[in-house]
């Protein structure tokens, strides 16, 4: 595919000339048309050219997964995994934040998601709320061999 003096040239097994007649042409980058270019032409609609964008060839190549953490971190994310592992002993949000060197707001957000997934349980003791692993949370850590 090339562009030369106002003309788009395609290397196709057939020849044809398409005059857009002032309608212009719609260019559509598409990974599904690579390595070919697709032309859609209808007398009553704007001509369309679908082509493979730059770099699309590397999209279909596989590369080894980039993981420097544990399988639990790959499944939940590093933050949530560290919060779960920090709850092997019941802790408050503040205690977890201090232990993990995270902000209390970040820990609270992770706790909310883990609670929604029923992996942890809150328990109130006076004015404090302690979080601990639920049975499902303990099982998950066991599956990933993260029980300490």
Protein backbone atom coordinates (compact mmCIF):
# COMPACT_ATOMS: atom_id res chain seq x y z
CA UNK A 1 0.00 0.00 0.00
CA UNK A 2 1.32 3.44 -0.83
CA UNK A 3 0.34 7.04 -1.41
CA UNK A 4 1.65 9.05 -4.35
CA UNK A 5 0.43 12.42 -5.65
CA UNK A 6 -3.10 12.13 -4.28
CA UNK A 7 -3.47 8.48 -5.25
CA UNK A 8 -3.63 5.49 -2.92
CA UNK A 9 -2.02 2.50 -4.59
CA UNK A 10 -2.65 -1.05 -3.43
CA UNK A 11 -0.79 -4.15 -4.52
CA UNK A 12 -3.77 -6.35 -5.32
CA UNK A 13 -4.21 -9.26 -7.78
CA UNK A 14 -6.66 -7.17 -9.81
CA UNK A 15 -6.78 -3.59 -11.03
CA UNK A 16 -9.50 -1.06 -10.53
CA UNK A 17 -9.90 2.65 -10.25
CA UNK A 18 -12.19 4.10 -7.65
CA UNK A 19 -13.15 7.76 -7.88
CA UNK A 20 -14.58 9.01 -4.56
CA UNK A 21 -16.39 11.84 -6.42
CA UNK A 22 -15.87 14.35 -3.65
CA UNK A 23 -17.09 11.98 -0.90
CA UNK A 24 -13.60 11.37 0.42
CA UNK A 25 -12.44 8.01 1.68
CA UNK A 26 -12.69 6.42 5.10
CA UNK A 27 -9.44 4.86 6.33
CA UNK A 28 -9.91 2.12 8.92
CA UNK A 29 -6.87 0.64 10.68
CA UNK A 30 -7.77 -2.97 11.48
CA UNK A 31 -5.74 -5.84 12.89
CA UNK A 32 -8.20 -8.23 11.23
CA UNK A 33 -7.41 -7.14 7.69
CA UNK A 34 -3.64 -7.62 8.00
CA UNK A 35 -1.65 -8.60 5.96
CA UNK A 36 -4.09 -7.53 3.23
CA UNK A 37 -5.93 -4.29 2.61
CA UNK A 38 -9.68 -4.48 2.15
CA UNK A 39 -11.61 -2.11 -0.07
CA UNK A 40 -15.31 -1.55 0.39
CA UNK A 41 -16.90 0.28 -2.50
CA UNK A 42 -20.58 0.78 -3.14
CA UNK A 43 -22.02 3.32 -5.55
CA UNK A 44 -24.18 5.01 -2.88
CA UNK A 45 -21.73 5.11 0.03
CA UNK A 46 -18.35 6.51 0.92
CA UNK A 47 -15.40 4.29 -0.14
CA UNK A 48 -13.65 2.57 2.77
CA UNK A 49 -10.15 1.14 3.01
CA UNK A 50 -9.32 -1.21 5.91
CA UNK A 51 -5.61 -1.80 6.40
CA UNK A 52 -3.24 -3.29 8.95
CA UNK A 53 -1.74 -0.53 11.12
CA UNK A 54 1.96 -0.21 11.79
CA UNK A 55 3.19 -2.80 14.31
CA UNK A 56 0.28 -5.19 13.82
CA UNK A 57 2.59 -8.03 12.77
CA UNK A 58 4.04 -8.20 16.29
CA UNK A 59 0.57 -8.40 17.83
CA UNK A 60 0.16 -12.06 16.95
CA UNK A 61 3.56 -13.21 18.22
CA UNK A 62 3.62 -14.71 21.67
CA UNK A 63 6.07 -13.66 24.31
CA UNK A 64 6.76 -15.14 27.70
CA UNK A 65 4.59 -13.68 30.46
CA UNK A 66 6.21 -10.84 32.37
CA UNK A 67 5.88 -11.78 35.99
CA UNK A 68 8.30 -11.15 38.77
CA UNK A 69 5.77 -11.83 41.53
CA UNK A 70 3.83 -14.78 42.79
CA UNK A 71 0.87 -16.49 41.17
CA UNK A 72 -1.42 -14.85 43.74
CA UNK A 73 -0.11 -11.42 42.69
CA UNK A 74 -0.73 -12.30 39.06
CA UNK A 75 -4.33 -13.27 39.91
CA UNK A 76 -5.26 -10.44 42.28
CA UNK A 77 -2.66 -7.75 41.72
CA UNK A 78 0.27 -7.02 44.01
CA UNK A 79 -1.66 -4.69 46.35
CA UNK A 80 -4.61 -6.99 47.01
CA UNK A 81 -2.34 -10.02 47.33
CA UNK A 82 -0.22 -8.24 49.97
CA UNK A 83 -3.38 -7.18 51.86
CA UNK A 84 -4.66 -10.77 51.83
CA UNK A 85 -1.32 -12.13 53.05
CA UNK A 86 -1.27 -9.43 55.73
CA UNK A 87 -4.54 -10.80 57.09
CA UNK A 88 -3.13 -14.15 58.18
CA UNK A 89 -3.58 -12.46 61.57
CA UNK A 90 -6.65 -10.17 61.97
CA UNK A 91 -5.73 -6.51 61.61
CA UNK A 92 -7.33 -3.08 61.31
CA UNK A 93 -7.01 -0.92 58.23
CA UNK A 94 -4.49 1.30 60.00
CA UNK A 95 -2.37 -1.65 61.14
CA UNK A 96 -2.34 -3.08 57.62
CA UNK A 97 -1.43 0.29 56.12
CA UNK A 98 1.50 0.64 58.52
CA UNK A 99 2.67 -2.94 57.98
CA UNK A 100 2.45 -2.76 54.17
CA UNK A 101 3.63 0.85 53.88
CA UNK A 102 0.47 1.81 51.97
CA UNK A 103 -1.95 4.64 52.60
CA UNK A 104 -4.99 3.77 54.70
CA UNK A 105 -7.19 4.80 51.73
CA UNK A 106 -5.41 2.32 49.42
CA UNK A 107 -5.75 -0.46 51.99
CA UNK A 108 -9.41 0.42 52.51
CA UNK A 109 -10.05 0.19 48.75
CA UNK A 110 -8.39 -3.25 48.62
CA UNK A 111 -10.35 -4.41 51.66
CA UNK A 112 -13.62 -3.30 50.05
CA UNK A 113 -12.92 -5.35 46.92
CA UNK A 114 -11.80 -8.39 48.91
CA UNK A 115 -14.91 -8.13 51.09
CA UNK A 116 -17.13 -7.92 47.97
CA UNK A 117 -15.43 -11.10 46.73
CA UNK A 118 -16.15 -12.70 50.14
CA UNK A 119 -12.45 -13.39 50.72
CA UNK A 120 -12.30 -11.42 53.99
CA UNK A 121 -14.68 -10.68 56.86
CA UNK A 122 -14.91 -7.57 59.07
CA UNK A 123 -15.38 -7.92 62.83
CA UNK A 124 -16.04 -4.99 65.15
CA UNK A 125 -14.41 -4.83 68.56
CA UNK A 126 -15.43 -1.61 70.31
CA UNK A 127 -14.49 1.26 68.03
CA UNK A 128 -12.15 -0.81 65.86
CA UNK A 129 -12.92 -2.98 62.86
CA UNK A 130 -10.65 -5.96 62.41
CA UNK A 131 -10.44 -7.80 59.12
CA UNK A 132 -9.65 -11.47 58.83
CA UNK A 133 -9.61 -14.03 56.05
CA UNK A 134 -12.85 -15.84 55.39
CA UNK A 135 -12.84 -19.59 54.75
CA UNK A 136 -12.75 -18.81 51.01
CA UNK A 137 -9.80 -16.43 51.55
CA UNK A 138 -7.88 -19.04 53.53
CA UNK A 139 -8.61 -21.60 50.82
CA UNK A 140 -7.39 -19.22 48.12
CA UNK A 141 -4.12 -18.59 49.95
CA UNK A 142 -3.77 -22.35 50.38
CA UNK A 143 -4.33 -22.96 46.67
CA UNK A 144 -1.59 -20.44 45.86
CA UNK A 145 0.62 -21.81 48.67
CA UNK A 146 0.73 -18.42 50.40
CA UNK A 147 -0.28 -19.50 53.92
CA UNK A 148 3.05 -18.47 55.39
